[in-house]
């Protein structure tokens, strides 16, 4: 893992002229990963690629008329897609009850009879994560009851973000302390 370094932000919120933070009476220090220097962009290989345009256009036109994944593999990929979904509730009037319903769906995203008919009823299929406002992380964890589903938190004053940097950092700390992944 990369070693963290401290970056000083001056009272005008400037960090080497790259990032503006809210004005502060005293310098603010934040932790950051070292900057990735990247690599030079070499577009030479793009100009060397040769494409059979006629064949490519024909193939693209036929893809909309047929399924490329068939039979059992189609069901398998659809089930796999379920495990990649993050179920999210970000309504302004969210309640712990809404979060509990969302978490129940996260633990059982497909009907059990369908899963059993496909022969995967005992696989413990669930979604990839549950995403809630930071103040509802405890409700989500309670509703999940130890299920291996991460809880993602929307912090930093979402959706507008019109709060101070210190408040944003505080929300993030609170979310992580409450158990958000």
Protein backbone atom coordinates (compact mmCIF):
# COMPACT_ATOMS: atom_id res chain seq x y z
CA UNK A 1 0.00 0.00 0.00
CA UNK A 2 1.24 3.51 -0.77
CA UNK A 3 2.65 5.49 2.10
CA UNK A 4 0.56 8.49 3.10
CA UNK A 5 2.12 11.95 3.07
CA UNK A 6 0.99 15.17 4.72
CA UNK A 7 0.10 18.08 2.45
CA UNK A 8 -0.18 21.57 3.88
CA UNK A 9 -2.97 23.76 2.65
CA UNK A 10 -2.40 27.49 3.21
CA UNK A 11 -4.97 29.83 4.69
CA UNK A 12 -6.27 30.71 1.22
CA UNK A 13 -7.00 27.02 0.64
CA UNK A 14 -4.31 26.63 -2.01
CA UNK A 15 -2.28 23.45 -2.37
CA UNK A 16 0.31 24.21 -5.00
CA UNK A 17 -2.48 26.10 -6.76
CA UNK A 18 -4.35 22.83 -7.48
CA UNK A 19 -7.06 22.47 -4.84
CA UNK A 20 -9.17 25.17 -3.24
CA UNK A 21 -10.31 24.50 0.31
CA UNK A 22 -12.48 26.75 2.44
CA UNK A 23 -10.64 29.73 3.96
CA UNK A 24 -9.26 29.01 7.40
CA UNK A 25 -7.62 31.18 10.04
CA UNK A 26 -4.77 28.71 10.43
CA UNK A 27 -3.18 26.28 7.97
CA UNK A 28 -5.06 22.98 7.58
CA UNK A 29 -3.17 19.71 7.17
CA UNK A 30 -4.73 16.77 5.35
CA UNK A 31 -3.45 13.33 4.48
CA UNK A 32 -3.07 12.37 0.84
CA UNK A 33 -1.55 9.61 -1.21
CA UNK A 34 1.52 10.50 -3.25
CA UNK A 35 0.64 11.79 -6.70
CA UNK A 36 0.74 9.19 -9.46
CA UNK A 37 3.21 10.55 -12.03
CA UNK A 38 1.54 8.56 -14.81
CA UNK A 39 3.18 7.70 -18.12
CA UNK A 40 3.49 9.64 -21.36
CA UNK A 41 0.60 9.19 -23.80
CA UNK A 42 1.73 7.32 -26.90
CA UNK A 43 -0.96 7.47 -29.60
CA UNK A 44 1.26 5.82 -32.19
CA UNK A 45 -0.35 2.43 -31.70
CA UNK A 46 -3.82 3.91 -32.30
CA UNK A 47 -2.77 5.15 -35.73
CA UNK A 48 -1.32 1.73 -36.62
CA UNK A 49 -4.53 -0.23 -35.95
CA UNK A 50 -6.30 -1.52 -39.05
CA UNK A 51 -10.02 -2.30 -38.97
CA UNK A 52 -12.20 -3.99 -41.54
CA UNK A 53 -14.92 -1.36 -41.39
CA UNK A 54 -17.46 -3.32 -43.44
CA UNK A 55 -17.12 -6.42 -41.27
CA UNK A 56 -17.23 -4.37 -38.07
CA UNK A 57 -20.41 -2.55 -39.09
CA UNK A 58 -22.05 -5.84 -40.15
CA UNK A 59 -21.18 -7.48 -36.83
CA UNK A 60 -22.45 -4.47 -34.85
CA UNK A 61 -25.75 -4.51 -36.76
CA UNK A 62 -26.34 -8.22 -36.02
CA UNK A 63 -25.67 -7.89 -32.28
CA UNK A 64 -28.95 -6.10 -31.61
CA UNK A 65 -30.94 -8.89 -33.29
CA UNK A 66 -29.59 -11.77 -31.24
CA UNK A 67 -28.46 -12.60 -27.77
CA UNK A 68 -24.80 -13.34 -27.44
CA UNK A 69 -25.30 -15.24 -24.17
CA UNK A 70 -27.66 -18.17 -24.43
CA UNK A 71 -29.44 -20.76 -22.27
CA UNK A 72 -27.91 -21.58 -18.90
CA UNK A 73 -25.14 -19.05 -19.34
CA UNK A 74 -27.68 -16.27 -19.68
CA UNK A 75 -29.20 -17.12 -16.29
CA UNK A 76 -25.73 -17.42 -14.77
CA UNK A 77 -24.71 -13.98 -16.02
CA UNK A 78 -27.96 -12.43 -14.83
CA UNK A 79 -27.38 -13.90 -11.38
CA UNK A 80 -23.82 -12.61 -11.48
CA UNK A 81 -25.11 -9.16 -12.40
CA UNK A 82 -27.23 -9.19 -9.24
CA UNK A 83 -24.08 -9.54 -7.16
CA UNK A 84 -22.64 -6.40 -8.78
CA UNK A 85 -25.59 -4.14 -7.94
CA UNK A 86 -25.49 -1.59 -5.13
CA UNK A 87 -28.98 -1.05 -3.77
CA UNK A 88 -29.35 2.61 -2.82
CA UNK A 89 -31.90 4.72 -1.02
CA UNK A 90 -31.17 8.42 -0.99
CA UNK A 91 -34.59 9.95 -0.55
CA UNK A 92 -34.65 13.12 1.49
CA UNK A 93 -37.22 11.55 3.80
CA UNK A 94 -35.50 8.17 4.29
CA UNK A 95 -36.35 6.33 7.49
CA UNK A 96 -34.88 3.30 9.23
CA UNK A 97 -37.95 1.41 7.96
CA UNK A 98 -37.05 2.20 4.34
CA UNK A 99 -33.48 1.07 5.00
CA UNK A 100 -34.69 -2.19 6.59
CA UNK A 101 -36.80 -2.96 3.49
CA UNK A 102 -33.84 -2.16 1.23
CA UNK A 103 -31.57 -4.46 3.24
CA UNK A 104 -34.11 -7.29 3.10
CA UNK A 105 -34.06 -6.96 -0.70
CA UNK A 106 -30.24 -6.85 -0.64
CA UNK A 107 -30.10 -10.15 1.26
CA UNK A 108 -32.66 -11.79 -1.05
CA UNK A 109 -32.53 -10.03 -4.45
CA UNK A 110 -34.30 -12.85 -6.32
CA UNK A 111 -37.25 -15.02 -5.36
CA UNK A 112 -36.20 -18.20 -3.59
CA UNK A 113 -38.35 -20.43 -5.82
CA UNK A 114 -36.56 -19.08 -8.91
CA UNK A 115 -33.15 -19.62 -7.34
CA UNK A 116 -34.10 -23.19 -6.38
CA UNK A 117 -35.38 -23.92 -9.90
CA UNK A 118 -31.98 -22.76 -11.20
CA UNK A 119 -30.21 -24.97 -8.66
CA UNK A 120 -28.60 -22.10 -6.76
CA UNK A 121 -31.01 -21.78 -3.86
CA UNK A 122 -28.30 -22.58 -1.33
CA UNK A 123 -25.66 -20.21 -2.72
CA UNK A 124 -26.49 -17.23 -0.51
CA UNK A 125 -26.90 -14.86 -3.44
CA UNK A 126 -26.92 -11.18 -2.42
CA UNK A 127 -26.18 -7.78 -3.93
CA UNK A 128 -22.78 -6.09 -3.88
CA UNK A 129 -23.58 -3.37 -1.34
CA UNK A 130 -26.22 -1.22 0.29
CA UNK A 131 -25.82 2.55 0.03
CA UNK A 132 -27.50 4.92 2.50
CA UNK A 133 -27.06 8.37 3.99
CA UNK A 134 -24.38 8.45 6.66
CA UNK A 135 -26.84 8.80 9.54
CA UNK A 136 -28.59 5.56 8.50
CA UNK A 137 -25.49 3.33 8.51
CA UNK A 138 -26.38 1.84 11.94
CA UNK A 139 -29.90 1.02 10.73
CA UNK A 140 -28.50 -0.71 7.64
CA UNK A 141 -26.01 -2.76 9.65
CA UNK A 142 -28.75 -3.78 12.06
CA UNK A 143 -31.04 -4.79 9.21
CA UNK A 144 -28.29 -6.79 7.49
CA UNK A 145 -27.70 -8.70 10.71
CA UNK A 146 -24.15 -9.77 9.92
CA UNK A 147 -24.81 -10.62 6.25
CA UNK A 148 -21.62 -10.27 4.18
CA UNK A 149 -22.91 -7.17 2.40
CA UNK A 150 -20.89 -3.94 2.72
CA UNK A 151 -22.69 -0.76 3.67
CA UNK A 152 -21.64 2.29 1.66
CA UNK A 153 -22.36 5.71 3.10
CA UNK A 154 -23.11 8.88 1.21
CA UNK A 155 -21.32 11.48 3.28
CA UNK A 156 -19.82 14.93 2.58
CA UNK A 157 -23.12 16.75 2.62
CA UNK A 158 -24.56 14.86 -0.34
CA UNK A 159 -26.19 15.81 -2.64
CA UNK A 160 -25.24 19.50 -2.65
CA UNK A 161 -22.01 19.27 -0.66
CA UNK A 162 -22.59 22.80 0.62
CA UNK A 163 -20.93 22.21 3.98
CA UNK A 164 -17.44 23.00 5.18
CA UNK A 165 -14.48 20.71 4.58
CA UNK A 166 -14.30 19.97 8.30
CA UNK A 167 -17.98 18.92 8.34
CA UNK A 168 -17.41 16.70 5.31
CA UNK A 169 -14.43 15.01 6.96
CA UNK A 170 -16.43 14.63 10.16
CA UNK A 171 -19.28 12.92 8.29
CA UNK A 172 -16.82 10.52 6.67
CA UNK A 173 -15.22 9.69 10.03
CA UNK A 174 -18.67 9.16 11.58
CA UNK A 175 -19.72 6.87 8.73
CA UNK A 176 -16.60 4.73 9.00
CA UNK A 177 -16.85 4.63 12.80
CA UNK A 178 -20.48 3.50 12.46
CA UNK A 179 -19.37 0.58 10.26
CA UNK A 180 -19.54 1.85 6.68
CA UNK A 181 -17.15 0.12 4.32
